[in-house]
Structure formats: structure tokens, C-alpha cells
PDB file of N, CA and C in Angstrom:
ATOM      1  N   MET A   1      -3.433   0.705  -1.626  1.00  0.00           N
ATOM      2  CA  MET A   1      -2.421   0.619  -3.282  1.00  0.00           C
ATOM      3  C   MET A   1      -1.354   0.153  -2.134  1.00  0.00           C
ATOM      4  N   GLY A   2      -0.576  -0.359  -3.097  1.00  0.00           N
ATOM      5  CA  GLY A   2       0.749  -1.044  -3.062  1.00  0.00           C
ATOM      6  C   GLY A   2       1.744   0.870  -2.587  1.00  0.00           C
ATOM      7  N   ASP A   3       3.194   0.343  -1.561  1.00  0.00           N
ATOM      8  CA  ASP A   3       4.104   1.169  -1.725  1.00  0.00           C
ATOM      9  C   ASP A   3       4.584   2.226  -2.721  1.00  0.00           C
ATOM     10  N   GLY A   4       5.349   1.365  -3.570  1.00  0.00           N
ATOM     11  CA  GLY A   4       5.818   1.979  -4.667  1.00  0.00           C
ATOM     12  C   GLY A   4       4.972   2.628  -5.787  1.00  0.00           C
ATOM     13  N   GLY A   5       3.935   2.528  -5.630  1.00  0.00           N
ATOM     14  CA  GLY A   5       2.969   3.445  -5.872  1.00  0.00           C
ATOM     15  C   GLY A   5       2.326   4.071  -5.871  1.00  0.00           C
ATOM     16  N   PHE A   6       2.068   4.126  -4.210  1.00  0.00           N
ATOM     17  CA  PHE A   6       1.648   5.286  -3.826  1.00  0.00           C
ATOM     18  C   PHE A   6       2.748   6.213  -3.614  1.00  0.00           C
ATOM     19  N   LEU A   7       3.991   6.651  -3.776  1.00  0.00           N
ATOM     20  CA  LEU A   7       5.157   7.118  -3.776  1.00  0.00           C
ATOM     21  C   LEU A   7       5.122   7.934  -4.914  1.00  0.00           C
ATOM     22  N   PHE A   8       4.849   7.287  -6.265  1.00  0.00           N
ATOM     23  CA  PHE A   8       4.791   8.983  -7.074  1.00  0.00           C
ATOM     24  C   PHE A   8       3.276   9.307  -6.866  1.00  0.00           C
ATOM     25  N   ALA A   9       2.533   9.122  -5.990  1.00  0.00           N
ATOM     26  CA  ALA A   9       1.570  10.422  -5.937  1.00  0.00           C
ATOM     27  C   ALA A   9       1.516  11.018  -3.896  1.00  0.00           C
ATOM     28  N   CYS A  10       2.366  10.416  -3.451  1.00  0.00           N
ATOM     29  CA  CYS A  10       1.695  11.054  -2.084  1.00  0.00           C
ATOM     30  C   CYS A  10       2.282  11.980  -1.372  1.00  0.00           C
ATOM     31  N   GLY A  11       2.289  13.389  -3.023  1.00  0.00           N
ATOM     32  CA  GLY A  11       2.112  14.631  -2.669  1.00  0.00           C
ATOM     33  C   GLY A  11       0.556  14.690  -2.765  1.00  0.00           C
ATOM     34  N   GLU A  12      -0.371  13.856  -3.315  1.00  0.00           N
ATOM     35  CA  GLU A  12      -2.032  14.143  -3.452  1.00  0.00           C
ATOM     36  C   GLU A  12      -2.425  13.675  -2.130  1.00  0.00           C
ATOM     37  N   LEU A  13      -1.332  13.156  -0.621  1.00  0.00           N
ATOM     38  CA  LEU A  13      -2.486  13.691   0.529  1.00  0.00           C
ATOM     39  C   LEU A  13      -2.114  15.395   1.300  1.00  0.00           C
ATOM     40  N   ALA A  14      -1.493  15.839   0.303  1.00  0.00           N
ATOM     41  CA  ALA A  14      -1.645  17.614   0.611  1.00  0.00           C
ATOM     42  C   ALA A  14      -3.323  18.408   0.292  1.00  0.00           C
ATOM     43  N   THR A  15      -3.196  17.863  -0.897  1.00  0.00           N
ATOM     44  CA  THR A  15      -5.036  17.919  -1.036  1.00  0.00           C
ATOM     45  C   THR A  15      -6.133  17.473  -0.671  1.00  0.00           C
ATOM     46  N   ALA A  16      -5.328  15.956  -0.135  1.00  0.00           N
ATOM     47  CA  ALA A  16      -6.786  15.122   0.884  1.00  0.00           C
ATOM     48  C   ALA A  16      -6.803  16.030   1.565  1.00  0.00           C
ATOM     49  N   VAL A  17      -5.733  16.877   3.055  1.00  0.00           N
ATOM     50  CA  VAL A  17      -5.600  17.625   3.975  1.00  0.00           C
ATOM     51  C   VAL A  17      -6.587  18.815   3.356  1.00  0.00           C
ATOM     52  N   GLN A  18      -6.196  19.871   2.377  1.00  0.00           N
ATOM     53  CA  GLN A  18      -6.652  20.861   2.006  1.00  0.00           C
ATOM     54  C   GLN A  18      -8.092  21.034   2.207  1.00  0.00           C
ATOM     55  N   GLU A  19      -8.550  20.128   1.639  1.00  0.00           N
ATOM     56  CA  GLU A  19      -9.913  19.759   0.480  1.00  0.00           C
ATOM     57  C   GLU A  19     -11.349  19.085   1.955  1.00  0.00           C
ATOM     58  N   ARG A  20     -10.224  18.505   2.393  1.00  0.00           N
ATOM     59  CA  ARG A  20     -10.723  17.573   3.742  1.00  0.00           C
ATOM     60  C   ARG A  20     -11.421  17.266   3.655  1.00  0.00           C
ATOM     61  N   LEU A  21     -11.259  15.917   2.493  1.00  0.00           N
ATOM     62  CA  LEU A  21     -11.724  14.970   2.039  1.00  0.00           C
ATOM     63  C   LEU A  21     -11.986  13.229   2.927  1.00  0.00           C
ATOM     64  N   PRO A  22     -12.875  13.619   2.828  1.00  0.00           N
ATOM     65  CA  PRO A  22     -12.960  11.574   4.033  1.00  0.00           C
ATOM     66  C   PRO A  22     -12.902  10.510   3.034  1.00  0.00           C
ATOM     67  N   VAL A  23     -10.981  10.599   2.815  1.00  0.00           N
ATOM     68  CA  VAL A  23     -10.292   9.344   2.089  1.00  0.00           C
ATOM     69  C   VAL A  23      -9.328   8.872   3.106  1.00  0.00           C
ATOM     70  N   THR A  24      -9.630   7.697   3.158  1.00  0.00           N
ATOM     71  CA  THR A  24      -8.913   6.721   3.787  1.00  0.00           C
ATOM     72  C   THR A  24      -7.662   5.843   2.934  1.00  0.00           C
ATOM     73  N   VAL A  25      -6.509   5.556   3.344  1.00  0.00           N
ATOM     74  CA  VAL A  25      -5.756   5.574   2.081  1.00  0.00           C
ATOM     75  C   VAL A  25      -4.869   3.905   2.675  1.00  0.00           C
ATOM     76  N   VAL A  26      -5.130   2.867   2.332  1.00  0.00           N
ATOM     77  CA  VAL A  26      -4.972   1.276   2.905  1.00  0.00           C
ATOM     78  C   VAL A  26      -3.553   1.435   2.248  1.00  0.00           C
ATOM     79  N   LEU A  27      -2.360   0.934   2.344  1.00  0.00           N
ATOM     80  CA  LEU A  27      -1.483   1.228   2.004  1.00  0.00           C
ATOM     81  C   LEU A  27      -0.218  -0.479   2.596  1.00  0.00           C
ATOM     82  N   VAL A  28      -0.423  -1.159   1.195  1.00  0.00           N
ATOM     83  CA  VAL A  28       0.135  -2.091   1.530  1.00  0.00           C
ATOM     84  C   VAL A  28       2.194  -2.085   1.639  1.00  0.00           C
ATOM     85  N   ASP A  29       2.497  -2.092   2.199  1.00  0.00           N
ATOM     86  CA  ASP A  29       4.076  -1.875   2.444  1.00  0.00           C
ATOM     87  C   ASP A  29       4.407  -3.331   2.414  1.00  0.00           C
ATOM     88  N   ASP A  30       4.916  -3.609   1.194  1.00  0.00           N
ATOM     89  CA  ASP A  30       5.765  -4.937   1.122  1.00  0.00           C
ATOM     90  C   ASP A  30       7.498  -4.554   0.594  1.00  0.00           C
ATOM     91  N   GLY A  31       7.741  -2.999   0.611  1.00  0.00           N
ATOM     92  CA  GLY A  31       9.375  -2.975   0.385  1.00  0.00           C
ATOM     93  C   GLY A  31       9.241  -2.459  -0.932  1.00  0.00           C
ATOM     94  N   GLY A  32       8.528  -2.149  -1.871  1.00  0.00           N
ATOM     95  CA  GLY A  32       9.022  -2.183  -3.534  1.00  0.00           C
ATOM     96  C   GLY A  32       7.701  -2.674  -3.939  1.00  0.00           C
ATOM     97  N   TYR A  33       7.857  -2.608  -5.322  1.00  0.00           N
ATOM     98  CA  TYR A  33       7.076  -2.494  -6.409  1.00  0.00           C
ATOM     99  C   TYR A  33       6.802  -4.323  -6.343  1.00  0.00           C
ATOM    100  N   GLY A  34       5.577  -5.019  -5.845  1.00  0.00           N
ATOM    101  CA  GLY A  34       5.143  -6.758  -5.232  1.00  0.00           C
ATOM    102  C   GLY A  34       4.484  -7.202  -6.350  1.00  0.00           C
ATOM    103  N   MET A  35       3.882  -6.350  -7.562  1.00  0.00           N
ATOM    104  CA  MET A  35       3.343  -7.098  -8.899  1.00  0.00           C
ATOM    105  C   MET A  35       4.845  -7.488  -9.767  1.00  0.00           C
ATOM    106  N   LEU A  36       5.315  -6.206 -10.059  1.00  0.00           N
ATOM    107  CA  LEU A  36       6.835  -6.226 -11.042  1.00  0.00           C
ATOM    108  C   LEU A  36       7.495  -7.506  -9.769  1.00  0.00           C
ATOM    109  N   ARG A  37       7.706  -7.921  -9.042  1.00  0.00           N
ATOM    110  CA  ARG A  37       8.579  -8.788  -8.096  1.00  0.00           C
ATOM    111  C   ARG A  37       7.929  -9.842  -8.296  1.00  0.00           C
ATOM    112  N   PHE A  38       6.248 -10.138  -8.117  1.00  0.00           N
ATOM    113  CA  PHE A  38       6.342 -11.280  -8.806  1.00  0.00           C
ATOM    114  C   PHE A  38       6.184 -11.234  -9.975  1.00  0.00           C
ATOM    115  N   ASP A  39       5.924 -10.999 -11.114  1.00  0.00           N
ATOM    116  CA  ASP A  39       6.436 -11.139 -12.296  1.00  0.00           C
ATOM    117  C   ASP A  39       8.156 -12.357 -12.641  1.00  0.00           C
ATOM    118  N   GLN A  40       8.720 -10.765 -11.938  1.00  0.00           N
ATOM    119  CA  GLN A  40      10.461 -11.741 -12.114  1.00  0.00           C
ATOM    120  C   GLN A  40      10.368 -12.795 -11.393  1.00  0.00           C
ATOM    121  N   VAL A  41       9.700 -13.426 -10.415  1.00  0.00           N
ATOM    122  CA  VAL A  41      10.427 -14.527  -9.698  1.00  0.00           C
ATOM    123  C   VAL A  41       9.630 -15.755 -10.592  1.00  0.00           C
ATOM    124  N   GLN A  42       8.325 -15.243 -10.750  1.00  0.00           N
ATOM    125  CA  GLN A  42       7.303 -16.589 -11.545  1.00  0.00           C
ATOM    126  C   GLN A  42       8.662 -16.466 -13.415  1.00  0.00           C
ATOM    127  N   SER A  43       8.764 -15.719 -14.148  1.00  0.00           N
ATOM    128  CA  SER A  43       9.654 -15.882 -14.682  1.00  0.00           C
ATOM    129  C   SER A  43      10.880 -16.371 -14.413  1.00  0.00           C
ATOM    130  N   GLY A  44      11.469 -16.622 -13.757  1.00  0.00           N
ATOM    131  CA  GLY A  44      12.759 -16.893 -13.333  1.00  0.00           C
ATOM    132  C   GLY A  44      14.030 -16.401 -13.587  1.00  0.00           C
ATOM    133  N   VAL A  45      13.385 -15.098 -13.170  1.00  0.00           N
ATOM    134  CA  VAL A  45      14.699 -14.358 -13.392  1.00  0.00           C
ATOM    135  C   VAL A  45      15.144 -13.309 -11.451  1.00  0.00           C
ATOM    136  N   PRO A  46      16.478 -12.680 -11.810  1.00  0.00           N
ATOM    137  CA  PRO A  46      16.722 -12.024 -11.021  1.00  0.00           C
ATOM    138  C   PRO A  46      15.872 -10.969 -10.154  1.00  0.00           C
ATOM    139  N   THR A  47      15.403 -10.778  -9.233  1.00  0.00           N
ATOM    140  CA  THR A  47      14.829  -9.332  -9.283  1.00  0.00           C
ATOM    141  C   THR A  47      15.697  -8.343  -9.192  1.00  0.00           C
ATOM    142  N   ARG A  48      15.195  -7.452 -10.190  1.00  0.00           N
ATOM    143  CA  ARG A  48      15.499  -6.061 -10.400  1.00  0.00           C
ATOM    144  C   ARG A  48      15.455  -5.014 -10.227  1.00  0.00           C
ATOM    145  N   GLY A  49      14.827  -3.736  -9.698  1.00  0.00           N
ATOM    146  CA  GLY A  49      14.728  -2.242  -9.814  1.00  0.00           C
ATOM    147  C   GLY A  49      13.742  -2.801  -8.848  1.00  0.00           C
ATOM    148  N   VAL A  50      12.686  -3.215  -8.023  1.00  0.00           N
ATOM    149  CA  VAL A  50      11.658  -3.818  -7.354  1.00  0.00           C
ATOM    150  C   VAL A  50      11.951  -3.488  -5.906  1.00  0.00           C
ATOM    151  N   ASP A  51      12.880  -3.687  -5.382  1.00  0.00           N
ATOM    152  CA  ASP A  51      12.827  -3.897  -3.821  1.00  0.00           C
ATOM    153  C   ASP A  51      13.296  -2.276  -3.805  1.00  0.00           C
ATOM    154  N   LEU A  52      12.575  -1.306  -2.904  1.00  0.00           N
ATOM    155  CA  LEU A  52      12.909   0.032  -3.228  1.00  0.00           C
ATOM    156  C   LEU A  52      12.639   0.036  -1.816  1.00  0.00           C
ATOM    157  N   VAL A  53      14.111   1.423  -0.887  1.00  0.00           N
ATOM    158  CA  VAL A  53      14.096   1.994  -0.176  1.00  0.00           C
ATOM    159  C   VAL A  53      12.631   3.243  -0.241  1.00  0.00           C
ATOM    160  N   THR A  54      11.780   2.743   1.347  1.00  0.00           N
ATOM    161  CA  THR A  54      10.320   3.179   1.619  1.00  0.00           C
ATOM    162  C   THR A  54      10.852   4.067   3.021  1.00  0.00           C
ATOM    163  N   PRO A  55       9.951   5.430   3.391  1.00  0.00           N
ATOM    164  CA  PRO A  55       9.981   5.847   4.019  1.00  0.00           C
ATOM    165  C   PRO A  55       9.267   5.047   4.883  1.00  0.00           C
ATOM    166  N   ASP A  56       8.820   6.160   6.472  1.00  0.00           N
ATOM    167  CA  ASP A  56       8.498   6.231   7.589  1.00  0.00           C
ATOM    168  C   ASP A  56       6.882   5.867   7.129  1.00  0.00           C
ATOM    169  N   PHE A  57       6.315   5.576   6.445  1.00  0.00           N
ATOM    170  CA  PHE A  57       4.565   6.159   5.908  1.00  0.00           C
ATOM    171  C   PHE A  57       3.371   7.124   7.006  1.00  0.00           C
ATOM    172  N   VAL A  58       4.016   6.370   8.130  1.00  0.00           N
ATOM    173  CA  VAL A  58       3.129   7.075   9.114  1.00  0.00           C
ATOM    174  C   VAL A  58       3.658   8.618   9.405  1.00  0.00           C
ATOM    175  N   ALA A  59       4.852   8.783   9.837  1.00  0.00           N
ATOM    176  CA  ALA A  59       5.967   9.812   9.373  1.00  0.00           C
ATOM    177  C   ALA A  59       5.630  10.897   8.237  1.00  0.00           C
ATOM    178  N   LEU A  60       5.503  10.328   7.085  1.00  0.00           N
ATOM    179  CA  LEU A  60       4.948  10.971   5.666  1.00  0.00           C
ATOM    180  C   LEU A  60       3.620  11.205   5.793  1.00  0.00           C
ATOM    181  N   ALA A  61       2.623  10.486   6.003  1.00  0.00           N
ATOM    182  CA  ALA A  61       1.342  10.707   6.238  1.00  0.00           C
ATOM    183  C   ALA A  61       1.399  12.226   7.430  1.00  0.00           C
ATOM    184  N   GLN A  62       1.564  11.824   8.515  1.00  0.00           N
ATOM    185  CA  GLN A  62       1.791  12.830   9.305  1.00  0.00           C
ATOM    186  C   GLN A  62       2.425  14.259   9.229  1.00  0.00           C
ATOM    187  N   ALA A  63       3.529  13.917   8.230  1.00  0.00           N
ATOM    188  CA  ALA A  63       4.188  15.526   8.309  1.00  0.00           C
ATOM    189  C   ALA A  63       2.761  16.266   7.364  1.00  0.00           C
ATOM    190  N   PHE A  64       2.131  15.733   6.869  1.00  0.00           N
ATOM    191  CA  PHE A  64       1.224  16.651   6.015  1.00  0.00           C
ATOM    192  C   PHE A  64      -0.538  16.535   6.770  1.00  0.00           C
ATOM    193  N   GLY A  65       0.053  16.530   7.929  1.00  0.00           N
ATOM    194  CA  GLY A  65      -1.571  16.348   8.967  1.00  0.00           C
ATOM    195  C   GLY A  65      -2.575  15.166   9.072  1.00  0.00           C
ATOM    196  N   VAL A  66      -2.065  14.594   8.412  1.00  0.00           N
ATOM    197  CA  VAL A  66      -2.607  12.830   7.986  1.00  0.00           C
ATOM    198  C   VAL A  66      -2.591  11.931   9.307  1.00  0.00           C
ATOM    199  N   PRO A  67      -3.507  11.558   9.938  1.00  0.00           N
ATOM    200  CA  PRO A  67      -3.492  10.594  11.235  1.00  0.00           C
ATOM    201  C   PRO A  67      -3.456   9.159  10.718  1.00  0.00           C
ATOM    202  N   ALA A  68      -2.362   8.931  10.918  1.00  0.00           N
ATOM    203  CA  ALA A  68      -2.088   7.128  10.389  1.00  0.00           C
ATOM    204  C   ALA A  68      -1.575   6.805  11.184  1.00  0.00           C
ATOM    205  N   GLU A  69      -1.592   5.104  10.819  1.00  0.00           N
ATOM    206  CA  GLU A  69      -1.241   3.788  11.753  1.00  0.00           C
ATOM    207  C   GLU A  69      -0.387   2.806  11.060  1.00  0.00           C
ATOM    208  N   ALA A  70       0.492   1.867  11.810  1.00  0.00           N
ATOM    209  CA  ALA A  70       1.071   0.972  11.083  1.00  0.00           C
ATOM    210  C   ALA A  70       0.516  -0.305  11.486  1.00  0.00           C
ATOM    211  N   VAL A  71      -0.069  -1.094  10.953  1.00  0.00           N
ATOM    212  CA  VAL A  71      -0.031  -2.728  11.570  1.00  0.00           C
ATOM    213  C   VAL A  71       0.459  -3.919  10.556  1.00  0.00           C
ATOM    214  N   ASP A  72       0.714  -4.548  10.818  1.00  0.00           N
ATOM    215  CA  ASP A  72       1.591  -6.351  10.622  1.00  0.00           C
ATOM    216  C   ASP A  72       0.144  -6.593  10.411  1.00  0.00           C
ATOM    217  N   GLY A  73       0.284  -7.180   8.979  1.00  0.00           N
ATOM    218  CA  GLY A  73      -0.501  -7.962   8.222  1.00  0.00           C
ATOM    219  C   GLY A  73      -2.318  -8.043   8.012  1.00  0.00           C
ATOM    220  N   PHE A  74      -3.085  -8.535   8.287  1.00  0.00           N
ATOM    221  CA  PHE A  74      -4.489  -8.077   8.328  1.00  0.00           C
ATOM    222  C   PHE A  74      -5.955  -8.717   9.004  1.00  0.00           C
ATOM    223  N   GLY A  75      -4.558  -8.934  10.628  1.00  0.00           N
ATOM    224  CA  GLY A  75      -5.281  -8.918  10.885  1.00  0.00           C
ATOM    225  C   GLY A  75      -6.263  -8.067  12.112  1.00  0.00           C
ATOM    226  N   GLU A  76      -6.143  -8.842  13.451  1.00  0.00           N
ATOM    227  CA  GLU A  76      -7.162  -8.017  13.909  1.00  0.00           C
ATOM    228  C   GLU A  76      -6.880  -6.317  14.290  1.00  0.00           C
ATOM    229  N   ALA A  77      -5.814  -6.432  14.172  1.00  0.00           N
ATOM    230  CA  ALA A  77      -5.077  -4.829  15.061  1.00  0.00           C
ATOM    231  C   ALA A  77      -4.978  -3.991  13.319  1.00  0.00           C
ATOM    232  N   PHE A  78      -5.231  -4.860  11.912  1.00  0.00           N
ATOM    233  CA  PHE A  78      -5.845  -3.888  11.029  1.00  0.00           C
ATOM    234  C   PHE A  78      -7.571  -3.782  11.220  1.00  0.00           C
ATOM    235  N   GLU A  79      -8.141  -5.041  11.509  1.00  0.00           N
ATOM    236  CA  GLU A  79      -9.380  -4.166  11.949  1.00  0.00           C
ATOM    237  C   GLU A  79      -9.565  -2.792  12.499  1.00  0.00           C
ATOM    238  N   ASP A  80      -9.351  -2.856  13.664  1.00  0.00           N
ATOM    239  CA  ASP A  80      -9.165  -1.728  14.536  1.00  0.00           C
ATOM    240  C   ASP A  80      -8.435  -0.764  14.079  1.00  0.00           C
ATOM    241  N   ALA A  81      -7.564  -0.792  13.203  1.00  0.00           N
ATOM    242  CA  ALA A  81      -6.727   0.373  12.578  1.00  0.00           C
ATOM    243  C   ALA A  81      -7.657   1.279  11.310  1.00  0.00           C
ATOM    244  N   LEU A  82      -8.153  -0.023  10.503  1.00  0.00           N
ATOM    245  CA  LEU A  82      -9.693   1.160   9.503  1.00  0.00           C
ATOM    246  C   LEU A  82     -10.634   0.786   9.905  1.00  0.00           C
ATOM    247  N   ALA A  83     -11.129   1.202  11.433  1.00  0.00           N
ATOM    248  CA  ALA A  83     -12.255   1.041  11.987  1.00  0.00           C
ATOM    249  C   ALA A  83     -11.828   2.394  12.521  1.00  0.00           C
ATOM    250  N   LYS A  84     -10.608   2.723  12.792  1.00  0.00           N
ATOM    251  CA  LYS A  84     -11.058   4.105  13.882  1.00  0.00           C
ATOM    252  C   LYS A  84     -10.540   5.289  12.886  1.00  0.00           C
ATOM    253  N   SER A  85      -9.408   4.917  11.362  1.00  0.00           N
ATOM    254  CA  SER A  85      -9.532   5.749  10.401  1.00  0.00           C
ATOM    255  C   SER A  85     -11.004   5.834   9.674  1.00  0.00           C
ATOM    256  N   LEU A  86     -11.872   5.026   9.174  1.00  0.00           N
ATOM    257  CA  LEU A  86     -12.715   5.543   9.341  1.00  0.00           C
ATOM    258  C   LEU A  86     -14.298   5.519   9.770  1.00  0.00           C
ATOM    259  N   ALA A  87     -13.833   6.223  10.609  1.00  0.00           N
ATOM    260  CA  ALA A  87     -14.570   7.329  11.458  1.00  0.00           C
ATOM    261  C   ALA A  87     -13.818   8.688  12.272  1.00  0.00           C
ATOM    262  N   THR A  88     -12.647   8.706  11.132  1.00  0.00           N
ATOM    263  CA  THR A  88     -11.529  10.126  11.147  1.00  0.00           C
ATOM    264  C   THR A  88     -12.541  11.018  10.426  1.00  0.00           C
ATOM    265  N   ASP A  89     -12.693  12.524  10.877  1.00  0.00           N
ATOM    266  CA  ASP A  89     -13.066  13.443   9.556  1.00  0.00           C
ATOM    267  C   ASP A  89     -11.636  13.630   9.302  1.00  0.00           C
ATOM    268  N   GLY A  90     -12.094  13.214   7.887  1.00  0.00           N
ATOM    269  CA  GLY A  90     -10.954  13.764   6.971  1.00  0.00           C
ATOM    270  C   GLY A  90     -10.208  12.863   6.906  1.00  0.00           C
ATOM    271  N   PRO A  91      -8.983  13.112   5.653  1.00  0.00           N
ATOM    272  CA  PRO A  91      -8.135  12.300   5.231  1.00  0.00           C
ATOM    273  C   PRO A  91      -7.662  11.229   6.871  1.00  0.00           C
ATOM    274  N   SER A  92      -6.913   9.545   6.444  1.00  0.00           N
ATOM    275  CA  SER A  92      -6.474   9.083   7.014  1.00  0.00           C
ATOM    276  C   SER A  92      -5.423   8.055   6.089  1.00  0.00           C
ATOM    277  N   LEU A  93      -4.448   7.311   7.122  1.00  0.00           N
ATOM    278  CA  LEU A  93      -3.772   6.384   6.453  1.00  0.00           C
ATOM    279  C   LEU A  93      -3.786   4.566   7.338  1.00  0.00           C
ATOM    280  N   VAL A  94      -4.245   3.837   6.294  1.00  0.00           N
ATOM    281  CA  VAL A  94      -3.224   2.769   6.924  1.00  0.00           C
ATOM    282  C   VAL A  94      -2.078   1.863   6.348  1.00  0.00           C
ATOM    283  N   ALA A  95      -1.330   1.997   6.944  1.00  0.00           N
ATOM    284  CA  ALA A  95       0.050   1.039   6.418  1.00  0.00           C
ATOM    285  C   ALA A  95      -0.026  -0.044   7.316  1.00  0.00           C
ATOM    286  N   VAL A  96       0.372  -1.189   5.665  1.00  0.00           N
ATOM    287  CA  VAL A  96      -0.169  -2.727   6.659  1.00  0.00           C
ATOM    288  C   VAL A  96       1.413  -3.094   5.832  1.00  0.00           C
ATOM    289  N   ARG A  97       1.943  -3.265   6.964  1.00  0.00           N
ATOM    290  CA  ARG A  97       3.047  -4.613   6.360  1.00  0.00           C
ATOM    291  C   ARG A  97       2.622  -5.735   6.089  1.00  0.00           C
ATOM    292  N   ALA A  98       2.786  -5.837   5.054  1.00  0.00           N
ATOM    293  CA  ALA A  98       2.475  -7.100   4.418  1.00  0.00           C
ATOM    294  C   ALA A  98       2.509  -7.034   2.932  1.00  0.00           C
ATOM    295  N   ALA A  99       2.763  -8.744   2.032  1.00  0.00           N
ATOM    296  CA  ALA A  99       2.818  -8.879   1.141  1.00  0.00           C
ATOM    297  C   ALA A  99       1.800  -9.583   0.599  1.00  0.00           C
ATOM    298  N   LEU A 100       1.449  -9.189  -0.522  1.00  0.00           N
ATOM    299  CA  LEU A 100      -0.298  -9.616  -1.569  1.00  0.00           C
ATOM    300  C   LEU A 100       0.364 -10.571  -3.032  1.00  0.00           C
ATOM    301  N   THR A 101       0.246 -11.437  -2.169  1.00  0.00           N
ATOM    302  CA  THR A 101      -0.414 -12.009  -3.981  1.00  0.00           C
ATOM    303  C   THR A 101      -1.131 -11.480  -5.310  1.00  0.00           C
ATOM    304  N   PRO A 102      -0.775 -11.158  -6.627  1.00  0.00           N
ATOM    305  CA  PRO A 102      -1.648 -10.366  -7.522  1.00  0.00           C
ATOM    306  C   PRO A 102      -2.915 -11.320  -7.430  1.00  0.00           C
ATOM    307  N   PRO A 103      -3.781 -10.838  -7.810  1.00  0.00           N
ATOM    308  CA  PRO A 103      -4.567 -11.762  -8.381  1.00  0.00           C
ATOM    309  C   PRO A 103      -4.890 -12.336  -9.696  1.00  0.00           C
ATOM    310  N   PRO A 104      -5.374 -12.995 -10.045  1.00  0.00           N
ATOM    311  CA  PRO A 104      -5.402 -13.726 -11.416  1.00  0.00           C
ATOM    312  C   PRO A 104      -5.391 -12.793 -13.036  1.00  0.00           C
ATOM    313  N   SER A 105      -5.805 -11.907 -12.106  1.00  0.00           N
ATOM    314  CA  SER A 105      -6.761 -10.733 -13.573  1.00  0.00           C
ATOM    315  C   SER A 105      -5.753  -9.835 -13.743  1.00  0.00           C
ATOM    316  N   THR A 106      -4.571  -9.413 -13.287  1.00  0.00           N
ATOM    317  CA  THR A 106      -3.582  -8.511 -12.880  1.00  0.00           C
ATOM    318  C   THR A 106      -2.303  -9.109 -13.235  1.00  0.00           C
ATOM    319  N   SER A 107      -1.554 -10.100 -13.390  1.00  0.00           N
ATOM    320  CA  SER A 107      -0.220 -10.591 -13.854  1.00  0.00           C
ATOM    321  C   SER A 107      -0.409 -11.476 -15.263  1.00  0.00           C
ATOM    322  N   PRO A 108       0.210 -11.168 -16.064  1.00  0.00           N
ATOM    323  CA  PRO A 108       0.556 -11.620 -17.063  1.00  0.00           C
ATOM    324  C   PRO A 108       0.978 -12.717 -17.027  1.00  0.00           C
ATOM    325  N   ARG A 109       1.728 -12.853 -16.342  1.00  0.00           N
ATOM    326  CA  ARG A 109       2.656 -14.262 -16.011  1.00  0.00           C
ATOM    327  C   ARG A 109       1.934 -14.934 -14.857  1.00  0.00           C
ATOM    328  N   TRP A 110       0.662 -14.951 -14.387  1.00  0.00           N
ATOM    329  CA  TRP A 110      -0.308 -16.089 -13.536  1.00  0.00           C
ATOM    330  C   TRP A 110      -0.410 -16.928 -14.577  1.00  0.00           C
ATOM    331  N   TYR A 111      -0.370 -18.089 -14.370  1.00  0.00           N
ATOM    332  CA  TYR A 111      -0.870 -19.365 -15.057  1.00  0.00           C
ATOM    333  C   TYR A 111      -1.850 -20.083 -14.807  1.00  0.00           C
ATOM    334  N   ARG A 112      -2.623 -20.251 -15.134  1.00  0.00           N
ATOM    335  CA  ARG A 112      -4.166 -20.922 -14.834  1.00  0.00           C
ATOM    336  C   ARG A 112      -4.499 -22.172 -15.878  1.00  0.00           C
ATOM    337  N   ALA A 113      -4.423 -23.239 -15.333  1.00  0.00           N
ATOM    338  CA  ALA A 113      -4.271 -24.952 -16.290  1.00  0.00           C
ATOM    339  C   ALA A 113      -5.894 -24.929 -17.082  1.00  0.00           C
ATOM    340  N   ALA A 114      -6.059 -24.330 -18.046  1.00  0.00           N
ATOM    341  CA  ALA A 114      -7.519 -24.889 -18.776  1.00  0.00           C
ATOM    342  C   ALA A 114      -7.915 -26.223 -18.003  1.00  0.00           C
ATOM    343  N   ARG A 115      -9.426 -26.125 -18.069  1.00  0.00           N
ATOM    344  CA  ARG A 115     -10.302 -26.930 -17.390  1.00  0.00           C
ATOM    345  C   ARG A 115     -10.347 -27.923 -18.728  1.00  0.00           C
TER     346      ARG A 115
END
């Protein structure tokens, strides 16, 4: 999930810990609402309200007792962190510093030429 969306419900980490849920959260940290930022850029308007002050997600997860790790991008370090997280007994979090482009099905601003 994205970092902006995660901040709406980060308290759910407490439930995951309490219930010992085997959930690995993969959090994409691009410093805000990437989808909305994408739409604004595609529309040619200045970006507004999409760049957020975000916490240290590893420290936040650890404050709930959730093992967490941060990596840059989706390369080998991500693969290693994900494998370690999936082997964890209970919840875990991998924060990935990266910016993704939304898939065509999610953004009304995505233009695909007719064939």
C-alpha cells in the first residue's frame, strides 16, 4: 500500500500485533499521495496537497512491536527483506522507498490510444 493511505489506518498495526496476524505490510513510501500527484501532473496543474510529511515508518512499526525494515527500490534488498518478513511469526512491515506509476485501470487521467 502507499504511504499516504497507510497513514489513514496505521493504528491497525496494534490489532495485527494483538491477534498475532501473519501479515506482511509492503509499504511504498513516495512521500505522499502518489496517485493524486500523478493525476495532477498529468492534468498539467501544480501539485497541491499531495506531498506529505511522513514518519519514520520503521520506527512507527517498531513502536507497535512490529519487526520492520526499509529498503530502496524493488531490487535484491527488497527481495531479501520480503523473504525475511514472510518468515516472521506475526505481523511485519517492509517500507520501500520508491515511486510507482499507477496502473491504467486506476487513474482516470491515464490515456491509452484507441487501436
